[in-house]
Amino acid sequence: MMKYAFATMTAASVLALGLGAANAADLAPVPVIEAPPPFSWTGFYAGVHAGYAWGNQDDNQSNLFDCEGSFECTPGDSFNMDGFIGGVHGGYNWQMDQFVFGIEGDIDYTNISGSEG
């Protein structure tokens, strides 16, 4: 009985290995996918930035200060302001291993103005 069990298991193993080899021969070759080159921060960059600012204030802080003393003060209890903010910027970066060094410059402009009232 043990002899027949061993023979059956051996035959099943040989059959399974043979079927596996036949299936592997039918498969298409796997394409080799190359990894993309690593990203580098080295290089020039430039850009523009723009915005709009606005605000208002309405309080009574001039009651806290003595404007009649030895200095002049103008109460600014209520005022409004608004205007454009913008500019350009640019620079250059160098990457050395995991470190990035760079130089940058910018020119900015604003015409924020306000009025008391």
N, C-alpha and C. Protein backbone atom coordinates (compact mmCIF):
# COMPACT_ATOMS: atom_id res chain seq x y z
N MET A 1 0.81 -1.18 0.00
CA MET A 1 0.00 0.00 0.00
C MET A 1 0.87 1.26 0.00
N MET A 2 1.89 1.26 0.84
CA MET A 2 2.78 2.40 0.91
C MET A 2 3.53 2.57 -0.41
N LYS A 3 3.82 1.43 -1.03
CA LYS A 3 4.55 1.44 -2.30
C LYS A 3 3.71 2.11 -3.38
N TYR A 4 2.39 1.84 -3.40
CA TYR A 4 1.52 2.43 -4.42
C TYR A 4 1.31 3.94 -4.17
N ALA A 5 1.26 4.33 -2.92
CA ALA A 5 1.09 5.76 -2.57
C ALA A 5 2.32 6.55 -3.02
N PHE A 6 3.49 5.98 -2.78
CA PHE A 6 4.72 6.66 -3.18
C PHE A 6 4.80 6.77 -4.70
N ALA A 7 4.43 5.72 -5.40
CA ALA A 7 4.46 5.73 -6.87
C ALA A 7 3.45 6.73 -7.41
N THR A 8 2.29 6.83 -6.80
CA THR A 8 1.26 7.77 -7.25
C THR A 8 1.73 9.21 -7.02
N MET A 9 2.33 9.49 -5.88
CA MET A 9 2.82 10.84 -5.59
C MET A 9 3.96 11.22 -6.52
N THR A 10 4.84 10.28 -6.81
CA THR A 10 5.95 10.55 -7.72
C THR A 10 5.43 10.84 -9.11
N ALA A 11 4.48 10.06 -9.58
CA ALA A 11 3.91 10.28 -10.91
C ALA A 11 3.20 11.63 -10.98
N ALA A 12 2.48 11.99 -9.93
CA ALA A 12 1.77 13.28 -9.90
C ALA A 12 2.75 14.44 -9.91
N SER A 13 3.86 14.30 -9.20
CA SER A 13 4.88 15.36 -9.17
C SER A 13 5.53 15.53 -10.53
N VAL A 14 5.89 14.46 -11.17
CA VAL A 14 6.51 14.52 -12.50
C VAL A 14 5.53 15.13 -13.49
N LEU A 15 4.27 14.76 -13.41
CA LEU A 15 3.25 15.29 -14.30
C LEU A 15 3.08 16.80 -14.07
N ALA A 16 3.05 17.22 -12.82
CA ALA A 16 2.88 18.64 -12.50
C ALA A 16 4.09 19.45 -12.99
N LEU A 17 5.28 18.93 -12.80
CA LEU A 17 6.47 19.64 -13.28
C LEU A 17 6.48 19.72 -14.80
N GLY A 18 6.05 18.66 -15.45
CA GLY A 18 6.02 18.65 -16.91
C GLY A 18 5.00 19.63 -17.45
N LEU A 19 3.84 19.73 -16.83
CA LEU A 19 2.81 20.69 -17.28
C LEU A 19 3.27 22.13 -17.03
N GLY A 20 3.93 22.34 -15.92
CA GLY A 20 4.41 23.69 -15.64
C GLY A 20 5.44 24.15 -16.65
N ALA A 21 6.32 23.26 -17.05
CA ALA A 21 7.34 23.62 -18.04
C ALA A 21 6.71 23.90 -19.39
N ALA A 22 5.67 23.17 -19.74
CA ALA A 22 5.00 23.40 -21.03
C ALA A 22 4.30 24.75 -21.03
N ASN A 23 3.69 25.12 -19.91
CA ASN A 23 3.02 26.42 -19.83
C ASN A 23 4.03 27.57 -19.88
N ALA A 24 5.16 27.39 -19.26
CA ALA A 24 6.16 28.46 -19.25
C ALA A 24 6.69 28.73 -20.65
N ALA A 25 6.78 27.71 -21.48
CA ALA A 25 7.28 27.90 -22.84
C ALA A 25 6.29 28.68 -23.70
N ASP A 26 5.01 28.65 -23.33
CA ASP A 26 3.99 29.36 -24.11
C ASP A 26 3.89 30.85 -23.77
N LEU A 27 4.51 31.27 -22.71
CA LEU A 27 4.41 32.67 -22.28
C LEU A 27 5.25 33.58 -23.16
N ALA A 28 4.78 34.81 -23.35
CA ALA A 28 5.55 35.80 -24.11
C ALA A 28 6.68 36.33 -23.23
N PRO A 29 7.76 36.79 -23.83
CA PRO A 29 8.86 37.32 -23.03
C PRO A 29 8.43 38.61 -22.31
N VAL A 30 8.91 38.80 -21.10
CA VAL A 30 8.57 39.97 -20.29
C VAL A 30 9.44 41.14 -20.75
N PRO A 31 8.81 42.27 -21.12
CA PRO A 31 9.63 43.41 -21.56
C PRO A 31 10.41 44.01 -20.39
N VAL A 32 11.60 44.49 -20.68
CA VAL A 32 12.44 45.12 -19.66
C VAL A 32 12.09 46.60 -19.62
N ILE A 33 11.69 47.07 -18.45
CA ILE A 33 11.34 48.48 -18.28
C ILE A 33 12.49 49.17 -17.57
N GLU A 34 13.04 50.19 -18.23
CA GLU A 34 14.15 50.93 -17.64
C GLU A 34 13.63 52.01 -16.72
N ALA A 35 14.31 52.23 -15.63
CA ALA A 35 13.93 53.28 -14.68
C ALA A 35 14.23 54.64 -15.29
N PRO A 36 13.38 55.64 -15.04
CA PRO A 36 13.65 56.97 -15.56
C PRO A 36 14.88 57.56 -14.86
N PRO A 37 15.55 58.50 -15.51
CA PRO A 37 16.71 59.11 -14.85
C PRO A 37 16.26 59.89 -13.61
N PRO A 38 17.11 60.01 -12.60
CA PRO A 38 16.72 60.72 -11.38
C PRO A 38 16.48 62.20 -11.67
N PHE A 39 15.54 62.80 -10.93
CA PHE A 39 15.23 64.22 -11.09
C PHE A 39 16.37 65.06 -10.53
N SER A 40 16.64 66.19 -11.17
CA SER A 40 17.67 67.11 -10.70
C SER A 40 17.08 68.51 -10.61
N TRP A 41 17.40 69.20 -9.52
CA TRP A 41 16.95 70.58 -9.33
C TRP A 41 17.89 71.59 -9.99
N THR A 42 18.96 71.15 -10.60
CA THR A 42 19.92 72.06 -11.23
C THR A 42 19.29 72.75 -12.43
N GLY A 43 19.46 74.08 -12.50
CA GLY A 43 18.96 74.81 -13.66
C GLY A 43 18.40 76.18 -13.31
N PHE A 44 18.06 76.93 -14.38
CA PHE A 44 17.49 78.27 -14.24
C PHE A 44 15.99 78.18 -14.03
N TYR A 45 15.42 79.20 -13.41
CA TYR A 45 13.97 79.33 -13.30
C TYR A 45 13.61 80.81 -13.25
N ALA A 46 12.40 81.13 -13.65
CA ALA A 46 11.90 82.51 -13.63
C ALA A 46 10.39 82.47 -13.49
N GLY A 47 9.84 83.58 -13.00
CA GLY A 47 8.39 83.62 -12.85
C GLY A 47 7.90 85.02 -12.56
N VAL A 48 6.61 85.15 -12.54
CA VAL A 48 5.97 86.43 -12.20
C VAL A 48 4.98 86.17 -11.07
N HIS A 49 4.70 87.21 -10.31
CA HIS A 49 3.70 87.11 -9.26
C HIS A 49 2.91 88.41 -9.22
N ALA A 50 1.63 88.29 -8.91
CA ALA A 50 0.77 89.46 -8.88
C ALA A 50 -0.34 89.24 -7.87
N GLY A 51 -0.87 90.34 -7.37
CA GLY A 51 -1.95 90.24 -6.42
C GLY A 51 -2.60 91.59 -6.18
N TYR A 52 -3.59 91.58 -5.34
CA TYR A 52 -4.31 92.80 -4.99
C TYR A 52 -4.52 92.79 -3.48
N ALA A 53 -4.29 93.93 -2.85
CA ALA A 53 -4.44 94.04 -1.40
C ALA A 53 -5.51 95.07 -1.07
N TRP A 54 -6.25 94.81 -0.02
CA TRP A 54 -7.24 95.77 0.45
C TRP A 54 -7.46 95.57 1.94
N GLY A 55 -7.94 96.60 2.57
CA GLY A 55 -8.22 96.50 4.00
C GLY A 55 -8.85 97.78 4.52
N ASN A 56 -9.35 97.70 5.73
CA ASN A 56 -9.89 98.88 6.40
C ASN A 56 -9.78 98.68 7.89
N GLN A 57 -9.81 99.80 8.59
CA GLN A 57 -9.74 99.78 10.04
C GLN A 57 -10.74 100.79 10.57
N ASP A 58 -11.42 100.40 11.61
CA ASP A 58 -12.38 101.30 12.24
C ASP A 58 -12.37 101.01 13.74
N ASP A 59 -11.65 101.85 14.51
CA ASP A 59 -11.58 101.67 15.96
C ASP A 59 -11.47 103.04 16.63
N ASN A 60 -11.22 103.06 17.91
CA ASN A 60 -11.10 104.33 18.63
C ASN A 60 -9.83 104.34 19.47
N GLN A 61 -8.71 103.93 18.89
CA GLN A 61 -7.45 103.88 19.64
C GLN A 61 -6.92 105.25 19.99
N SER A 62 -7.32 106.29 19.27
CA SER A 62 -6.81 107.62 19.61
C SER A 62 -7.28 108.05 20.99
N ASN A 63 -8.31 107.44 21.55
CA ASN A 63 -8.74 107.75 22.91
C ASN A 63 -7.73 107.25 23.94
N LEU A 64 -6.87 106.28 23.55
CA LEU A 64 -5.89 105.73 24.47
C LEU A 64 -4.62 106.56 24.57
N PHE A 65 -4.39 107.48 23.62
CA PHE A 65 -3.15 108.25 23.57
C PHE A 65 -3.45 109.73 23.75
N ASP A 66 -2.55 110.40 24.42
CA ASP A 66 -2.69 111.84 24.63
C ASP A 66 -2.06 112.58 23.45
N CYS A 67 -2.88 113.08 22.56
CA CYS A 67 -2.37 113.79 21.38
C CYS A 67 -2.07 115.24 21.67
N GLU A 68 -2.28 115.70 22.87
CA GLU A 68 -2.01 117.08 23.24
C GLU A 68 -0.68 117.22 23.94
N GLY A 69 0.08 116.16 24.09
CA GLY A 69 1.33 116.17 24.84
C GLY A 69 2.47 116.82 24.07
N SER A 70 3.69 116.35 24.32
CA SER A 70 4.89 116.94 23.73
C SER A 70 5.13 116.49 22.30
N PHE A 71 4.34 115.61 21.76
CA PHE A 71 4.51 115.18 20.37
C PHE A 71 3.17 115.27 19.66
N GLU A 72 3.28 115.37 18.33
CA GLU A 72 2.04 115.43 17.55
C GLU A 72 1.63 114.02 17.15
N CYS A 73 0.37 113.76 17.15
CA CYS A 73 -0.11 112.49 16.65
C CYS A 73 -1.37 112.74 15.84
N THR A 74 -1.53 111.96 14.84
CA THR A 74 -2.72 112.07 13.99
C THR A 74 -3.58 110.85 14.26
N PRO A 75 -4.78 111.06 14.73
CA PRO A 75 -5.62 109.89 14.98
C PRO A 75 -5.89 109.13 13.68
N GLY A 76 -5.76 107.82 13.75
CA GLY A 76 -6.02 106.98 12.58
C GLY A 76 -7.10 105.98 12.91
N ASP A 77 -8.18 106.49 13.46
CA ASP A 77 -9.24 105.59 13.92
C ASP A 77 -9.97 104.91 12.78
N SER A 78 -9.98 105.51 11.61
CA SER A 78 -10.71 104.92 10.50
C SER A 78 -9.96 105.20 9.21
N PHE A 79 -9.59 104.15 8.48
CA PHE A 79 -8.96 104.35 7.17
C PHE A 79 -9.23 103.16 6.27
N ASN A 80 -9.09 103.37 4.98
CA ASN A 80 -9.25 102.35 3.95
C ASN A 80 -8.00 102.34 3.08
N MET A 81 -7.66 101.16 2.55
CA MET A 81 -6.51 101.07 1.64
C MET A 81 -6.78 99.98 0.62
N ASP A 82 -6.13 100.11 -0.54
CA ASP A 82 -6.19 99.08 -1.57
C ASP A 82 -5.12 99.37 -2.61
N GLY A 83 -4.80 98.34 -3.42
CA GLY A 83 -3.83 98.53 -4.48
C GLY A 83 -3.24 97.23 -5.00
N PHE A 84 -2.43 97.36 -6.04
CA PHE A 84 -1.80 96.25 -6.76
C PHE A 84 -0.46 95.90 -6.13
N ILE A 85 -0.13 94.61 -6.14
CA ILE A 85 1.18 94.10 -5.74
C ILE A 85 1.64 93.15 -6.84
N GLY A 86 2.90 93.27 -7.28
CA GLY A 86 3.39 92.35 -8.31
C GLY A 86 4.87 92.46 -8.53
N GLY A 87 5.41 91.56 -9.36
CA GLY A 87 6.82 91.60 -9.67
C GLY A 87 7.27 90.38 -10.46
N VAL A 88 8.58 90.28 -10.64
CA VAL A 88 9.20 89.16 -11.35
C VAL A 88 10.32 88.60 -10.47
N HIS A 89 10.63 87.32 -10.65
CA HIS A 89 11.70 86.69 -9.89
C HIS A 89 12.39 85.65 -10.77
N GLY A 90 13.63 85.35 -10.44
CA GLY A 90 14.38 84.35 -11.18
C GLY A 90 15.60 83.92 -10.39
N GLY A 91 16.21 82.81 -10.82
CA GLY A 91 17.39 82.33 -10.12
C GLY A 91 17.98 81.10 -10.78
N TYR A 92 18.96 80.54 -10.11
CA TYR A 92 19.64 79.34 -10.59
C TYR A 92 19.93 78.45 -9.39
N ASN A 93 19.71 77.14 -9.53
CA ASN A 93 19.98 76.16 -8.47
C ASN A 93 21.04 75.16 -8.92
N TRP A 94 21.85 74.71 -7.96
CA TRP A 94 22.82 73.63 -8.17
C TRP A 94 22.47 72.51 -7.20
N GLN A 95 22.38 71.28 -7.71
CA GLN A 95 22.14 70.14 -6.83
C GLN A 95 23.40 69.31 -6.74
N MET A 96 23.83 69.04 -5.51
CA MET A 96 24.98 68.19 -5.24
C MET A 96 24.51 67.09 -4.28
N ASP A 97 24.35 65.90 -4.78
CA ASP A 97 23.79 64.78 -4.02
C ASP A 97 22.40 65.17 -3.52
N GLN A 98 22.17 65.16 -2.20
CA GLN A 98 20.85 65.50 -1.68
C GLN A 98 20.73 66.97 -1.30
N PHE A 99 21.74 67.80 -1.57
CA PHE A 99 21.72 69.22 -1.22
C PHE A 99 21.48 70.08 -2.46
N VAL A 100 20.72 71.18 -2.28
CA VAL A 100 20.45 72.11 -3.37
C VAL A 100 20.89 73.50 -2.92
N PHE A 101 21.75 74.14 -3.72
CA PHE A 101 22.23 75.50 -3.45
C PHE A 101 21.73 76.39 -4.58
N GLY A 102 21.49 77.65 -4.28
CA GLY A 102 20.98 78.51 -5.34
C GLY A 102 21.15 79.98 -5.04
N ILE A 103 20.83 80.75 -6.07
CA ILE A 103 20.84 82.20 -5.97
C ILE A 103 19.55 82.68 -6.62
N GLU A 104 18.93 83.70 -6.02
CA GLU A 104 17.64 84.18 -6.52
C GLU A 104 17.58 85.70 -6.39
N GLY A 105 16.87 86.32 -7.30
CA GLY A 105 16.64 87.76 -7.24
C GLY A 105 15.20 88.07 -7.63
N ASP A 106 14.72 89.20 -7.16
CA ASP A 106 13.36 89.59 -7.52
C ASP A 106 13.24 91.11 -7.56
N ILE A 107 12.26 91.55 -8.31
CA ILE A 107 11.90 92.97 -8.38
C ILE A 107 10.40 93.03 -8.13
N ASP A 108 10.02 93.87 -7.16
CA ASP A 108 8.61 93.96 -6.79
C ASP A 108 8.11 95.40 -6.89
N TYR A 109 6.82 95.53 -7.06
CA TYR A 109 6.19 96.84 -7.15
C TYR A 109 4.85 96.78 -6.42
N THR A 110 4.49 97.89 -5.80
CA THR A 110 3.18 98.01 -5.17
C THR A 110 2.70 99.44 -5.30
N ASN A 111 1.40 99.61 -5.42
CA ASN A 111 0.82 100.96 -5.41
C ASN A 111 -0.34 101.02 -4.42
N ILE A 112 -0.14 100.39 -3.26
CA ILE A 112 -1.16 100.41 -2.22
C ILE A 112 -1.26 101.84 -1.67
N SER A 113 -2.44 102.34 -1.65
CA SER A 113 -2.67 103.68 -1.09
C SER A 113 -3.93 103.63 -0.24
N GLY A 114 -4.07 104.63 0.61
CA GLY A 114 -5.22 104.63 1.50
C GLY A 114 -5.69 106.03 1.79
N SER A 115 -6.80 106.08 2.49
CA SER A 115 -7.35 107.37 2.86
C SER A 115 -7.95 107.26 4.25
N GLU A 116 -7.84 108.35 4.98
CA GLU A 116 -8.43 108.41 6.30
C GLU A 116 -9.89 108.79 6.17
N GLY A 117 -10.69 108.18 6.96
CA GLY A 117 -12.05 108.65 6.83
C GLY A 117 -13.00 107.73 7.37
